[in-house]
Amino acid sequence: MTPAEASKQARDVCALAPVIPVLTVPDASKAAGLARALVAGGLPALEVTLRTPAALDAIRAMAQVDGGVVGAGTIMTPDDVVAAKEAGALFGVSPGSTAKILDKAEEVGLPMLPGAVTATEIMALLERGYTMQKFFPAEAAGGAKALGSFAGPIPQVTFCPTGGVSLGNVGEYLSLKNTVCVGGSWVAPANLIEAEDWEGIEKLAREAAALKA
């Protein structure tokens, strides 16, 4: 898979809905119910962060849910790329990017949404062929104002901002012409996952899906 092909596929995933839920799943037994609730609410693209021992099993479970497009987040090493792909992830997300991670992702055919936060990082990824990137950490790096400032000099790149994005500021990001979607955890709060309140999560997903990108 070439970087250009990978980036196009990543953009297609990002275009499925205005919000990609960023999910930390401590108990894989809850994964399928969580995925069904989010998909039913109109958010088919799901990012499961590799931050818990249950993450890969959660990806395996979510990969079986009809209508879901599950990916792996917090990819930090080439081994993470391989493990995510083998678990059924259809895309990968990394907080930053390294040549080793991108090399392995291209080798195994896992479309990546690589992270960047400076003009130099964005340009380096663009030079490689990645026109769809993750802007992280969005709020800490200057928020929507900072992200929007890249649209003029680097119009070739579009973004999924993640990190500090919430219901309170999501509109600022989605109004930007260089933003395709956002990544956010507010649609699946830990307390609702723990309680298996799938109705509550579906309601939050519907609200997020109705946002204008």
C-alpha atoms as a PDB file:
ATOM      1  CA  MET A   1       0.000   0.000   0.000  1.00  0.00           C
ATOM      2  CA  THR A   2       1.408   3.374  -0.991  1.00  0.00           C
ATOM      3  CA  PRO A   3       1.209   6.349   1.379  1.00  0.00           C
ATOM      4  CA  ALA A   4      -1.175   8.089  -1.014  1.00  0.00           C
ATOM      5  CA  GLU A   5      -3.486   5.057  -1.073  1.00  0.00           C
ATOM      6  CA  ALA A   6      -3.290   4.737   2.714  1.00  0.00           C
ATOM      7  CA  SER A   7      -4.074   8.399   3.214  1.00  0.00           C
ATOM      8  CA  LYS A   8      -7.049   8.273   0.853  1.00  0.00           C
ATOM      9  CA  GLN A   9      -8.467   5.303   2.749  1.00  0.00           C
ATOM     10  CA  ALA A  10      -7.921   7.091   6.056  1.00  0.00           C
ATOM     11  CA  ARG A  11      -9.738  10.137   4.709  1.00  0.00           C
ATOM     12  CA  ASP A  12     -12.634   7.945   3.587  1.00  0.00           C
ATOM     13  CA  VAL A  13     -12.907   6.638   7.162  1.00  0.00           C
ATOM     14  CA  CYS A  14     -12.793  10.165   8.556  1.00  0.00           C
ATOM     15  CA  ALA A  15     -15.556  11.244   6.177  1.00  0.00           C
ATOM     16  CA  LEU A  16     -18.001   8.640   7.528  1.00  0.00           C
ATOM     17  CA  ALA A  17     -19.155  10.918  10.374  1.00  0.00           C
ATOM     18  CA  PRO A  18     -18.200  14.230  11.966  1.00  0.00           C
ATOM     19  CA  VAL A  19     -16.884  12.476  15.087  1.00  0.00           C
ATOM     20  CA  ILE A  20     -14.664   9.428  15.559  1.00  0.00           C
ATOM     21  CA  PRO A  21     -15.155   8.127  19.109  1.00  0.00           C
ATOM     22  CA  VAL A  22     -11.832   7.701  20.894  1.00  0.00           C
ATOM     23  CA  LEU A  23     -12.391   4.674  23.107  1.00  0.00           C
ATOM     24  CA  THR A  24     -10.468   3.303  26.058  1.00  0.00           C
ATOM     25  CA  VAL A  25     -11.942  -0.115  26.780  1.00  0.00           C
ATOM     26  CA  PRO A  26     -10.788  -1.832  29.990  1.00  0.00           C
ATOM     27  CA  ASP A  27     -13.144  -4.803  29.620  1.00  0.00           C
ATOM     28  CA  ALA A  28     -13.449  -6.512  26.238  1.00  0.00           C
ATOM     29  CA  SER A  29     -16.766  -8.080  27.226  1.00  0.00           C
ATOM     30  CA  LYS A  30     -18.329  -4.632  26.859  1.00  0.00           C
ATOM     31  CA  ALA A  31     -16.806  -3.951  23.438  1.00  0.00           C
ATOM     32  CA  ALA A  32     -19.500  -5.366  21.179  1.00  0.00           C
ATOM     33  CA  GLY A  33     -22.337  -3.616  23.024  1.00  0.00           C
ATOM     34  CA  LEU A  34     -20.414  -0.350  22.939  1.00  0.00           C
ATOM     35  CA  ALA A  35     -19.761  -0.664  19.220  1.00  0.00           C
ATOM     36  CA  ARG A  36     -23.384  -1.495  18.439  1.00  0.00           C
ATOM     37  CA  ALA A  37     -24.578   1.561  20.384  1.00  0.00           C
ATOM     38  CA  LEU A  38     -22.178   3.915  18.608  1.00  0.00           C
ATOM     39  CA  VAL A  39     -22.929   2.512  15.170  1.00  0.00           C
ATOM     40  CA  ALA A  40     -26.677   2.692  15.833  1.00  0.00           C
ATOM     41  CA  GLY A  41     -26.197   6.322  16.816  1.00  0.00           C
ATOM     42  CA  GLY A  42     -24.546   7.120  13.500  1.00  0.00           C
ATOM     43  CA  LEU A  43     -20.851   6.900  14.360  1.00  0.00           C
ATOM     44  CA  PRO A  44     -19.456   3.922  12.428  1.00  0.00           C
ATOM     45  CA  ALA A  45     -15.726   4.722  12.662  1.00  0.00           C
ATOM     46  CA  LEU A  46     -14.394   3.641  16.059  1.00  0.00           C
ATOM     47  CA  GLU A  47     -10.888   4.206  17.438  1.00  0.00           C
ATOM     48  CA  VAL A  48      -9.910   1.796  20.210  1.00  0.00           C
ATOM     49  CA  THR A  49      -6.806   3.078  21.964  1.00  0.00           C
ATOM     50  CA  LEU A  50      -4.106   0.539  22.736  1.00  0.00           C
ATOM     51  CA  ARG A  51      -3.931   1.741  26.325  1.00  0.00           C
ATOM     52  CA  THR A  52      -5.401  -1.261  28.120  1.00  0.00           C
ATOM     53  CA  PRO A  53      -4.590  -4.979  28.123  1.00  0.00           C
ATOM     54  CA  ALA A  54      -8.100  -5.575  26.747  1.00  0.00           C
ATOM     55  CA  ALA A  55      -7.677  -3.298  23.711  1.00  0.00           C
ATOM     56  CA  LEU A  56      -6.816  -5.930  21.101  1.00  0.00           C
ATOM     57  CA  ASP A  57      -9.601  -8.236  22.271  1.00  0.00           C
ATOM     58  CA  ALA A  58     -11.954  -5.249  22.129  1.00  0.00           C
ATOM     59  CA  ILE A  59     -10.922  -4.600  18.533  1.00  0.00           C
ATOM     60  CA  ARG A  60     -11.563  -8.262  17.680  1.00  0.00           C
ATOM     61  CA  ALA A  61     -15.047  -8.047  19.168  1.00  0.00           C
ATOM     62  CA  MET A  62     -15.901  -4.740  17.516  1.00  0.00           C
ATOM     63  CA  ALA A  63     -14.665  -5.968  14.150  1.00  0.00           C
ATOM     64  CA  GLN A  64     -17.599  -8.389  14.156  1.00  0.00           C
ATOM     65  CA  VAL A  65     -20.239  -5.668  14.611  1.00  0.00           C
ATOM     66  CA  ASP A  66     -22.177  -4.945  11.426  1.00  0.00           C
ATOM     67  CA  GLY A  67     -21.637  -1.445  10.112  1.00  0.00           C
ATOM     68  CA  GLY A  68     -18.638  -0.737  12.291  1.00  0.00           C
ATOM     69  CA  VAL A  69     -15.239   0.359  10.987  1.00  0.00           C
ATOM     70  CA  VAL A  70     -12.882  -0.279  13.865  1.00  0.00           C
ATOM     71  CA  GLY A  71      -9.379   1.097  14.119  1.00  0.00           C
ATOM     72  CA  ALA A  72      -6.536   1.072  16.626  1.00  0.00           C
ATOM     73  CA  GLY A  73      -5.333   4.235  18.300  1.00  0.00           C
ATOM     74  CA  THR A  74      -2.197   5.104  20.269  1.00  0.00           C
ATOM     75  CA  ILE A  75      -0.036   3.100  17.872  1.00  0.00           C
ATOM     76  CA  MET A  76       3.506   3.613  19.076  1.00  0.00           C
ATOM     77  CA  THR A  77       5.612   0.864  17.474  1.00  0.00           C
ATOM     78  CA  PRO A  78       5.766  -1.339  14.371  1.00  0.00           C
ATOM     79  CA  ASP A  79       4.673  -4.242  16.584  1.00  0.00           C
ATOM     80  CA  ASP A  80       1.519  -2.298  17.463  1.00  0.00           C
ATOM     81  CA  VAL A  81       0.795  -1.976  13.738  1.00  0.00           C
ATOM     82  CA  VAL A  82       1.064  -5.725  13.221  1.00  0.00           C
ATOM     83  CA  ALA A  83      -0.984  -6.566  16.324  1.00  0.00           C
ATOM     84  CA  ALA A  84      -3.719  -4.120  15.346  1.00  0.00           C
ATOM     85  CA  LYS A  85      -3.928  -5.471  11.819  1.00  0.00           C
ATOM     86  CA  GLU A  86      -4.077  -9.063  13.053  1.00  0.00           C
ATOM     87  CA  ALA A  87      -6.845  -8.146  15.522  1.00  0.00           C
ATOM     88  CA  GLY A  88      -9.002  -6.839  12.685  1.00  0.00           C
ATOM     89  CA  ALA A  89      -8.312  -3.099  12.761  1.00  0.00           C
ATOM     90  CA  LEU A  90      -9.122  -1.413   9.456  1.00  0.00           C
ATOM     91  CA  PHE A  91      -7.114   1.721  10.193  1.00  0.00           C
ATOM     92  CA  GLY A  92      -4.521   2.960  12.650  1.00  0.00           C
ATOM     93  CA  VAL A  93      -4.029   6.231  14.502  1.00  0.00           C
ATOM     94  CA  SER A  94      -0.800   7.447  16.080  1.00  0.00           C
ATOM     95  CA  PRO A  95      -0.151  10.476  18.319  1.00  0.00           C
ATOM     96  CA  GLY A  96       2.865  11.349  16.169  1.00  0.00           C
ATOM     97  CA  SER A  97       4.653   9.539  13.386  1.00  0.00           C
ATOM     98  CA  THR A  98       7.924   7.748  12.786  1.00  0.00           C
ATOM     99  CA  ALA A  99       9.369   6.236   9.649  1.00  0.00           C
ATOM    100  CA  LYS A 100       9.378   2.772  11.240  1.00  0.00           C
ATOM    101  CA  ILE A 101       5.671   2.903  12.048  1.00  0.00           C
ATOM    102  CA  LEU A 102       4.724   4.180   8.599  1.00  0.00           C
ATOM    103  CA  ASP A 103       7.006   1.668   6.860  1.00  0.00           C
ATOM    104  CA  LYS A 104       5.341  -1.228   8.683  1.00  0.00           C
ATOM    105  CA  ALA A 105       1.827   0.124   8.127  1.00  0.00           C
ATOM    106  CA  GLU A 106       2.461   0.448   4.394  1.00  0.00           C
ATOM    107  CA  GLU A 107       3.994  -3.037   4.337  1.00  0.00           C
ATOM    108  CA  VAL A 108       1.024  -4.760   5.999  1.00  0.00           C
ATOM    109  CA  GLY A 109      -1.638  -2.554   4.400  1.00  0.00           C
ATOM    110  CA  LEU A 110      -2.970  -0.709   7.441  1.00  0.00           C
ATOM    111  CA  PRO A 111      -4.141   2.814   6.500  1.00  0.00           C
ATOM    112  CA  MET A 112      -2.693   5.259   9.006  1.00  0.00           C
ATOM    113  CA  LEU A 113      -3.894   8.561  10.391  1.00  0.00           C
ATOM    114  CA  PRO A 114      -0.522   9.865  11.599  1.00  0.00           C
ATOM    115  CA  GLY A 115      -0.266  12.650  14.129  1.00  0.00           C
ATOM    116  CA  ALA A 116       1.356  16.018  13.503  1.00  0.00           C
ATOM    117  CA  VAL A 117       1.242  19.349  15.301  1.00  0.00           C
ATOM    118  CA  THR A 118       3.858  21.613  13.684  1.00  0.00           C
ATOM    119  CA  ALA A 119       4.275  22.884  10.143  1.00  0.00           C
ATOM    120  CA  THR A 120       7.467  20.863   9.799  1.00  0.00           C
ATOM    121  CA  GLU A 121       5.763  17.621  10.880  1.00  0.00           C
ATOM    122  CA  ILE A 122       2.798  18.281   8.602  1.00  0.00           C
ATOM    123  CA  MET A 123       5.087  19.027   5.645  1.00  0.00           C
ATOM    124  CA  ALA A 124       7.208  15.928   6.278  1.00  0.00           C
ATOM    125  CA  LEU A 125       4.119  13.711   6.209  1.00  0.00           C
ATOM    126  CA  LEU A 126       2.825  15.499   3.121  1.00  0.00           C
ATOM    127  CA  GLU A 127       6.161  14.938   1.414  1.00  0.00           C
ATOM    128  CA  ARG A 128       5.755  11.224   2.077  1.00  0.00           C
ATOM    129  CA  GLY A 129       2.221  11.262   0.645  1.00  0.00           C
ATOM    130  CA  TYR A 130      -0.008  11.629   3.714  1.00  0.00           C
ATOM    131  CA  THR A 131      -2.625  14.273   2.976  1.00  0.00           C
ATOM    132  CA  MET A 132      -4.969  13.207   5.819  1.00  0.00           C
ATOM    133  CA  GLN A 133      -3.440  13.716   9.245  1.00  0.00           C
ATOM    134  CA  LYS A 134      -4.317  13.827  12.910  1.00  0.00           C
ATOM    135  CA  PHE A 135      -3.779  17.193  14.624  1.00  0.00           C
ATOM    136  CA  PHE A 136      -2.732  16.332  18.180  1.00  0.00           C
ATOM    137  CA  PRO A 137      -2.863  17.543  20.894  1.00  0.00           C
ATOM    138  CA  ALA A 138      -5.364  19.958  19.399  1.00  0.00           C
ATOM    139  CA  GLU A 139      -6.353  22.197  22.313  1.00  0.00           C
ATOM    140  CA  ALA A 140      -2.909  22.251  23.924  1.00  0.00           C
ATOM    141  CA  ALA A 141      -1.367  23.226  20.576  1.00  0.00           C
ATOM    142  CA  GLY A 142      -3.540  26.277  20.079  1.00  0.00           C
ATOM    143  CA  GLY A 143      -6.932  24.833  19.233  1.00  0.00           C
ATOM    144  CA  ALA A 144      -9.018  25.597  16.191  1.00  0.00           C
ATOM    145  CA  LYS A 145      -7.273  28.922  15.588  1.00  0.00           C
ATOM    146  CA  ALA A 146      -3.906  27.180  15.251  1.00  0.00           C
ATOM    147  CA  LEU A 147      -5.275  24.400  13.054  1.00  0.00           C
ATOM    148  CA  GLY A 148      -7.085  26.808  10.774  1.00  0.00           C
ATOM    149  CA  SER A 149      -3.874  28.750  10.206  1.00  0.00           C
ATOM    150  CA  PHE A 150      -2.433  25.797   8.283  1.00  0.00           C
ATOM    151  CA  ALA A 151      -5.181  25.918   5.649  1.00  0.00           C
ATOM    152  CA  GLY A 152      -3.594  28.831   3.802  1.00  0.00           C
ATOM    153  CA  PRO A 153       0.008  27.683   3.378  1.00  0.00           C
ATOM    154  CA  ILE A 154      -0.702  23.917   3.371  1.00  0.00           C
ATOM    155  CA  PRO A 155      -4.113  23.503   1.692  1.00  0.00           C
ATOM    156  CA  GLN A 156      -3.267  19.992   0.486  1.00  0.00           C
ATOM    157  CA  VAL A 157      -3.636  18.544   3.993  1.00  0.00           C
ATOM    158  CA  THR A 158      -6.859  17.891   5.875  1.00  0.00           C
ATOM    159  CA  PHE A 159      -7.105  16.915   9.514  1.00  0.00           C
ATOM    160  CA  CYS A 160      -8.840  15.060  12.297  1.00  0.00           C
ATOM    161  CA  PRO A 161      -8.106  17.152  15.405  1.00  0.00           C
ATOM    162  CA  THR A 162      -7.986  15.183  18.641  1.00  0.00           C
ATOM    163  CA  GLY A 163      -7.059  16.032  22.202  1.00  0.00           C
ATOM    164  CA  GLY A 164      -9.253  18.305  24.284  1.00  0.00           C
ATOM    165  CA  VAL A 165     -12.051  18.363  21.707  1.00  0.00           C
ATOM    166  CA  SER A 166     -15.436  18.461  23.450  1.00  0.00           C
ATOM    167  CA  LEU A 167     -19.047  19.439  22.899  1.00  0.00           C
ATOM    168  CA  GLY A 168     -18.086  22.910  24.002  1.00  0.00           C
ATOM    169  CA  ASN A 169     -15.565  23.531  21.227  1.00  0.00           C
ATOM    170  CA  VAL A 170     -16.291  20.942  18.540  1.00  0.00           C
ATOM    171  CA  GLY A 171     -18.149  23.463  16.398  1.00  0.00           C
ATOM    172  CA  GLU A 172     -15.026  25.615  16.130  1.00  0.00           C
ATOM    173  CA  TYR A 173     -13.100  22.704  14.631  1.00  0.00           C
ATOM    174  CA  LEU A 174     -15.818  21.408  12.321  1.00  0.00           C
ATOM    175  CA  SER A 175     -16.251  24.881  10.842  1.00  0.00           C
ATOM    176  CA  LEU A 176     -12.680  24.825   9.509  1.00  0.00           C
ATOM    177  CA  LYS A 177     -12.236  24.036   5.828  1.00  0.00           C
ATOM    178  CA  ASN A 178      -9.223  21.812   6.571  1.00  0.00           C
ATOM    179  CA  THR A 179     -11.072  19.655   9.117  1.00  0.00           C
ATOM    180  CA  VAL A 180     -12.856  16.482   7.963  1.00  0.00           C
ATOM    181  CA  CYS A 181     -13.889  15.205  11.398  1.00  0.00           C
ATOM    182  CA  VAL A 182     -12.785  15.297  15.019  1.00  0.00           C
ATOM    183  CA  GLY A 183     -11.769  12.620  17.483  1.00  0.00           C
ATOM    184  CA  GLY A 184     -13.483  12.752  20.853  1.00  0.00           C
ATOM    185  CA  SER A 185     -14.081  10.658  23.927  1.00  0.00           C
ATOM    186  CA  TRP A 186     -17.147  12.482  25.237  1.00  0.00           C
ATOM    187  CA  VAL A 187     -19.519  10.263  23.244  1.00  0.00           C
ATOM    188  CA  ALA A 188     -18.549   7.212  25.283  1.00  0.00           C
ATOM    189  CA  PRO A 189     -17.751   8.285  28.858  1.00  0.00           C
ATOM    190  CA  ALA A 190     -16.228   5.686  31.150  1.00  0.00           C
ATOM    191  CA  ASN A 191     -19.151   5.683  33.580  1.00  0.00           C
ATOM    192  CA  LEU A 192     -21.651   4.833  30.844  1.00  0.00           C
ATOM    193  CA  ILE A 193     -19.405   2.085  29.467  1.00  0.00           C
ATOM    194  CA  GLU A 194     -18.985   0.620  32.953  1.00  0.00           C
ATOM    195  CA  ALA A 195     -22.752   0.685  33.507  1.00  0.00           C
ATOM    196  CA  GLU A 196     -23.358  -0.737  30.022  1.00  0.00           C
ATOM    197  CA  ASP A 197     -25.730   2.154  29.404  1.00  0.00           C
ATOM    198  CA  TRP A 198     -25.861   1.567  25.667  1.00  0.00           C
ATOM    199  CA  GLU A 199     -29.014   3.648  25.291  1.00  0.00           C
ATOM    200  CA  GLY A 200     -27.249   6.631  26.834  1.00  0.00           C
ATOM    201  CA  ILE A 201     -24.226   6.185  24.595  1.00  0.00           C
ATOM    202  CA  GLU A 202     -26.413   5.826  21.505  1.00  0.00           C
ATOM    203  CA  LYS A 203     -28.096   9.115  22.418  1.00  0.00           C
ATOM    204  CA  LEU A 204     -24.729  10.870  22.714  1.00  0.00           C
ATOM    205  CA  ALA A 205     -23.671   9.331  19.409  1.00  0.00           C
ATOM    206  CA  ARG A 206     -26.809  10.629  17.670  1.00  0.00           C
ATOM    207  CA  GLU A 207     -26.108  14.127  18.946  1.00  0.00           C
ATOM    208  CA  ALA A 208     -22.519  13.907  17.673  1.00  0.00           C
ATOM    209  CA  ALA A 209     -23.555  12.463  14.331  1.00  0.00           C
ATOM    210  CA  ALA A 210     -25.861  15.434  13.790  1.00  0.00           C
ATOM    211  CA  LEU A 211     -22.988  17.914  14.047  1.00  0.00           C
ATOM    212  CA  LYS A 212     -22.074  19.595  10.793  1.00  0.00           C
ATOM    213  CA  ALA A 213     -18.641  18.871   9.361  1.00  0.00           C
END
